[in-house]
Amino acid sequence: MGVSGIVPIIHKLLVFSEEPVAVMTAVYELAMGGFYGLGVVVYATRVPERWMPGKFDLVGHSHQLFHVLVIAGAYTHYLASVMYLNWREMDQCY
């Protein structure tokens, strides 16, 4: 389900390959997926508390890192959305 966003990204790059905004938003979208994926891996593997039990009981445990990575992914999604809105505002059909 998570990789289903790749099809629209590829379509956008094929149709609007000459538009720098299309390429930049694709980079943001791929970064978003990377942040979300890394967050899942960190949370599922319980890194870093698995390597040093007791050291990350209050700060820096995998659940907190997961949330930081999700926020980073949401921020890159926001940046791509703002670029889309500006692109749509500048290139209107009449």
N, C-alpha and C. Protein backbone atom coordinates (compact mmCIF):
# COMPACT_ATOMS: atom_id res chain seq x y z
N MET A 1 0.82 -1.19 0.00
CA MET A 1 0.00 0.00 0.00
C MET A 1 0.87 1.26 0.00
N GLY A 2 1.94 1.23 0.76
CA GLY A 2 2.79 2.41 0.86
C GLY A 2 3.51 2.76 -0.42
N VAL A 3 3.81 1.75 -1.24
CA VAL A 3 4.52 2.01 -2.50
C VAL A 3 3.56 2.37 -3.63
N SER A 4 2.27 2.43 -3.37
CA SER A 4 1.31 2.77 -4.42
C SER A 4 1.48 4.21 -4.90
N GLY A 5 2.14 5.05 -4.13
CA GLY A 5 2.39 6.42 -4.55
C GLY A 5 3.46 6.54 -5.62
N ILE A 6 4.18 5.47 -5.87
CA ILE A 6 5.24 5.52 -6.88
C ILE A 6 4.65 5.66 -8.29
N VAL A 7 3.52 5.04 -8.54
CA VAL A 7 2.91 5.11 -9.88
C VAL A 7 2.55 6.55 -10.26
N PRO A 8 1.86 7.33 -9.42
CA PRO A 8 1.60 8.73 -9.79
C PRO A 8 2.87 9.57 -9.93
N ILE A 9 3.88 9.27 -9.12
CA ILE A 9 5.14 10.02 -9.24
C ILE A 9 5.79 9.75 -10.59
N ILE A 10 5.83 8.49 -10.99
CA ILE A 10 6.42 8.14 -12.30
C ILE A 10 5.61 8.79 -13.42
N HIS A 11 4.29 8.75 -13.33
CA HIS A 11 3.44 9.37 -14.35
C HIS A 11 3.72 10.87 -14.44
N LYS A 12 3.80 11.52 -13.29
CA LYS A 12 4.08 12.96 -13.27
C LYS A 12 5.42 13.26 -13.92
N LEU A 13 6.43 12.46 -13.63
CA LEU A 13 7.75 12.69 -14.21
C LEU A 13 7.76 12.43 -15.71
N LEU A 14 6.96 11.48 -16.18
CA LEU A 14 6.88 11.23 -17.62
C LEU A 14 6.16 12.35 -18.36
N VAL A 15 5.09 12.86 -17.77
CA VAL A 15 4.29 13.89 -18.43
C VAL A 15 4.94 15.27 -18.31
N PHE A 16 5.48 15.59 -17.15
CA PHE A 16 6.03 16.93 -16.90
C PHE A 16 7.53 16.90 -16.67
N SER A 17 8.25 16.10 -17.41
CA SER A 17 9.69 15.95 -17.17
C SER A 17 10.47 17.24 -17.41
N GLU A 18 9.93 18.14 -18.22
CA GLU A 18 10.64 19.40 -18.50
C GLU A 18 10.40 20.45 -17.42
N GLU A 19 9.49 20.21 -16.52
CA GLU A 19 9.17 21.16 -15.45
C GLU A 19 10.06 20.90 -14.22
N PRO A 20 10.88 21.87 -13.83
CA PRO A 20 11.72 21.67 -12.65
C PRO A 20 10.91 21.43 -11.37
N VAL A 21 9.73 22.02 -11.30
CA VAL A 21 8.89 21.84 -10.11
C VAL A 21 8.46 20.39 -9.98
N ALA A 22 8.16 19.74 -11.09
CA ALA A 22 7.75 18.33 -11.04
C ALA A 22 8.88 17.46 -10.51
N VAL A 23 10.08 17.74 -10.94
CA VAL A 23 11.23 16.95 -10.47
C VAL A 23 11.49 17.22 -8.99
N MET A 24 11.42 18.48 -8.58
CA MET A 24 11.69 18.82 -7.18
C MET A 24 10.64 18.24 -6.25
N THR A 25 9.38 18.28 -6.65
CA THR A 25 8.34 17.69 -5.80
C THR A 25 8.49 16.18 -5.73
N ALA A 26 8.96 15.57 -6.80
CA ALA A 26 9.21 14.12 -6.77
C ALA A 26 10.31 13.80 -5.77
N VAL A 27 11.33 14.65 -5.71
CA VAL A 27 12.40 14.45 -4.73
C VAL A 27 11.84 14.56 -3.31
N TYR A 28 10.99 15.57 -3.07
CA TYR A 28 10.37 15.71 -1.75
C TYR A 28 9.51 14.49 -1.42
N GLU A 29 8.75 14.00 -2.39
CA GLU A 29 7.89 12.85 -2.14
C GLU A 29 8.71 11.59 -1.84
N LEU A 30 9.80 11.41 -2.55
CA LEU A 30 10.66 10.26 -2.27
C LEU A 30 11.34 10.40 -0.91
N ALA A 31 11.71 11.62 -0.54
CA ALA A 31 12.28 11.85 0.79
C ALA A 31 11.25 11.55 1.87
N MET A 32 10.00 11.94 1.62
CA MET A 32 8.93 11.65 2.56
C MET A 32 8.80 10.14 2.77
N GLY A 33 8.77 9.40 1.68
CA GLY A 33 8.70 7.94 1.79
C GLY A 33 9.90 7.36 2.51
N GLY A 34 11.07 7.94 2.27
CA GLY A 34 12.27 7.48 2.96
C GLY A 34 12.21 7.72 4.45
N PHE A 35 11.73 8.90 4.85
CA PHE A 35 11.59 9.19 6.28
C PHE A 35 10.58 8.25 6.93
N TYR A 36 9.44 8.04 6.28
CA TYR A 36 8.43 7.13 6.85
C TYR A 36 8.97 5.71 6.94
N GLY A 37 9.63 5.26 5.88
CA GLY A 37 10.19 3.90 5.88
C GLY A 37 11.26 3.72 6.94
N LEU A 38 12.14 4.70 7.07
CA LEU A 38 13.18 4.63 8.10
C LEU A 38 12.56 4.63 9.49
N GLY A 39 11.50 5.41 9.67
CA GLY A 39 10.81 5.42 10.96
C GLY A 39 10.24 4.06 11.30
N VAL A 40 9.67 3.39 10.32
CA VAL A 40 9.12 2.05 10.55
C VAL A 40 10.23 1.08 10.92
N VAL A 41 11.34 1.14 10.20
CA VAL A 41 12.46 0.23 10.48
C VAL A 41 13.03 0.47 11.87
N VAL A 42 13.22 1.74 12.24
CA VAL A 42 13.76 2.06 13.56
C VAL A 42 12.82 1.57 14.65
N TYR A 43 11.53 1.79 14.47
CA TYR A 43 10.57 1.38 15.49
C TYR A 43 10.45 -0.15 15.57
N ALA A 44 10.42 -0.81 14.42
CA ALA A 44 10.24 -2.26 14.41
C ALA A 44 11.47 -3.00 14.94
N THR A 45 12.65 -2.46 14.72
CA THR A 45 13.87 -3.14 15.18
C THR A 45 14.29 -2.71 16.58
N ARG A 46 13.60 -1.73 17.15
CA ARG A 46 13.88 -1.23 18.50
C ARG A 46 15.32 -0.75 18.66
N VAL A 47 15.79 -0.07 17.62
CA VAL A 47 17.11 0.54 17.67
C VAL A 47 16.93 1.93 18.26
N PRO A 48 17.69 2.43 19.15
CA PRO A 48 18.97 1.98 19.69
C PRO A 48 18.88 1.26 21.03
N GLU A 49 17.70 1.19 21.64
CA GLU A 49 17.63 0.60 22.98
C GLU A 49 17.95 -0.89 22.98
N ARG A 50 17.85 -1.53 21.84
CA ARG A 50 18.20 -2.94 21.75
C ARG A 50 19.71 -3.13 21.95
N TRP A 51 20.49 -2.16 21.49
CA TRP A 51 21.95 -2.27 21.60
C TRP A 51 22.47 -1.88 22.97
N MET A 52 21.79 -0.94 23.63
CA MET A 52 22.22 -0.49 24.96
C MET A 52 21.00 -0.40 25.88
N PRO A 53 20.55 -1.52 26.41
CA PRO A 53 19.37 -1.51 27.28
C PRO A 53 19.56 -0.59 28.49
N GLY A 54 18.55 0.19 28.78
CA GLY A 54 18.58 1.09 29.92
C GLY A 54 19.12 2.48 29.63
N LYS A 55 19.86 2.65 28.57
CA LYS A 55 20.45 3.96 28.24
C LYS A 55 19.44 4.92 27.62
N PHE A 56 18.41 4.39 26.98
CA PHE A 56 17.46 5.22 26.24
C PHE A 56 16.05 5.11 26.81
N ASP A 57 15.95 4.93 28.12
CA ASP A 57 14.64 4.77 28.73
C ASP A 57 13.82 6.06 28.69
N LEU A 58 14.46 7.21 28.81
CA LEU A 58 13.73 8.48 28.84
C LEU A 58 13.82 9.25 27.53
N VAL A 59 14.99 9.29 26.93
CA VAL A 59 15.20 10.11 25.74
C VAL A 59 15.95 9.29 24.69
N GLY A 60 15.48 9.38 23.45
CA GLY A 60 16.19 8.76 22.34
C GLY A 60 15.79 7.35 22.01
N HIS A 61 14.70 6.85 22.59
CA HIS A 61 14.32 5.48 22.25
C HIS A 61 13.60 5.44 20.91
N SER A 62 13.39 4.23 20.41
CA SER A 62 12.91 4.06 19.03
C SER A 62 11.56 4.71 18.79
N HIS A 63 10.69 4.72 19.77
CA HIS A 63 9.37 5.32 19.57
C HIS A 63 9.51 6.83 19.37
N GLN A 64 10.40 7.47 20.11
CA GLN A 64 10.62 8.91 19.92
C GLN A 64 11.26 9.19 18.57
N LEU A 65 12.24 8.37 18.19
CA LEU A 65 12.88 8.54 16.88
C LEU A 65 11.86 8.34 15.76
N PHE A 66 10.96 7.38 15.94
CA PHE A 66 9.90 7.15 14.97
C PHE A 66 9.06 8.42 14.78
N HIS A 67 8.70 9.06 15.87
CA HIS A 67 7.89 10.27 15.78
C HIS A 67 8.65 11.41 15.12
N VAL A 68 9.93 11.55 15.41
CA VAL A 68 10.74 12.59 14.77
C VAL A 68 10.80 12.35 13.27
N LEU A 69 10.99 11.10 12.85
CA LEU A 69 11.05 10.78 11.43
C LEU A 69 9.70 10.99 10.74
N VAL A 70 8.61 10.70 11.43
CA VAL A 70 7.28 10.95 10.86
C VAL A 70 7.06 12.45 10.67
N ILE A 71 7.50 13.25 11.63
CA ILE A 71 7.37 14.71 11.50
C ILE A 71 8.22 15.20 10.33
N ALA A 72 9.43 14.65 10.18
CA ALA A 72 10.28 15.04 9.04
C ALA A 72 9.60 14.66 7.72
N GLY A 73 8.97 13.50 7.67
CA GLY A 73 8.23 13.09 6.47
C GLY A 73 7.04 13.99 6.20
N ALA A 74 6.32 14.35 7.24
CA ALA A 74 5.18 15.25 7.07
C ALA A 74 5.64 16.63 6.60
N TYR A 75 6.78 17.08 7.08
CA TYR A 75 7.31 18.39 6.66
C TYR A 75 7.70 18.36 5.18
N THR A 76 8.33 17.30 4.73
CA THR A 76 8.68 17.22 3.30
C THR A 76 7.41 17.13 2.46
N HIS A 77 6.38 16.47 2.97
CA HIS A 77 5.09 16.43 2.26
C HIS A 77 4.50 17.84 2.17
N TYR A 78 4.60 18.59 3.25
CA TYR A 78 4.13 19.98 3.26
C TYR A 78 4.88 20.82 2.23
N LEU A 79 6.21 20.68 2.18
CA LEU A 79 7.00 21.44 1.21
C LEU A 79 6.58 21.12 -0.22
N ALA A 80 6.36 19.84 -0.51
CA ALA A 80 5.90 19.45 -1.85
C ALA A 80 4.52 20.04 -2.13
N SER A 81 3.64 20.04 -1.14
CA SER A 81 2.29 20.58 -1.33
C SER A 81 2.33 22.07 -1.63
N VAL A 82 3.17 22.81 -0.94
CA VAL A 82 3.30 24.25 -1.19
C VAL A 82 3.82 24.48 -2.61
N MET A 83 4.78 23.68 -3.04
CA MET A 83 5.29 23.81 -4.41
C MET A 83 4.19 23.51 -5.42
N TYR A 84 3.38 22.48 -5.16
CA TYR A 84 2.25 22.17 -6.05
C TYR A 84 1.28 23.34 -6.14
N LEU A 85 0.94 23.93 -5.00
CA LEU A 85 0.00 25.05 -5.00
C LEU A 85 0.56 26.23 -5.78
N ASN A 86 1.83 26.54 -5.57
CA ASN A 86 2.44 27.65 -6.32
C ASN A 86 2.50 27.35 -7.81
N TRP A 87 2.82 26.12 -8.16
CA TRP A 87 2.88 25.71 -9.57
C TRP A 87 1.51 25.84 -10.22
N ARG A 88 0.49 25.39 -9.52
CA ARG A 88 -0.88 25.46 -10.06
C ARG A 88 -1.33 26.91 -10.20
N GLU A 89 -0.93 27.76 -9.27
CA GLU A 89 -1.31 29.17 -9.33
C GLU A 89 -0.63 29.88 -10.50
N MET A 90 0.61 29.52 -10.79
CA MET A 90 1.36 30.17 -11.87
C MET A 90 0.97 29.66 -13.26
N ASP A 91 0.62 28.39 -13.38
CA ASP A 91 0.30 27.79 -14.68
C ASP A 91 -1.18 27.45 -14.76
N GLN A 92 -2.02 28.47 -14.84
CA GLN A 92 -3.46 28.26 -14.89
C GLN A 92 -3.92 28.08 -16.33
N CYS A 93 -4.93 27.28 -16.48
CA CYS A 93 -5.59 27.14 -17.79
C CYS A 93 -6.66 28.22 -17.90
N TYR A 94 -6.78 28.82 -19.06
CA TYR A 94 -7.78 29.88 -19.24
C TYR A 94 -8.84 29.46 -20.22
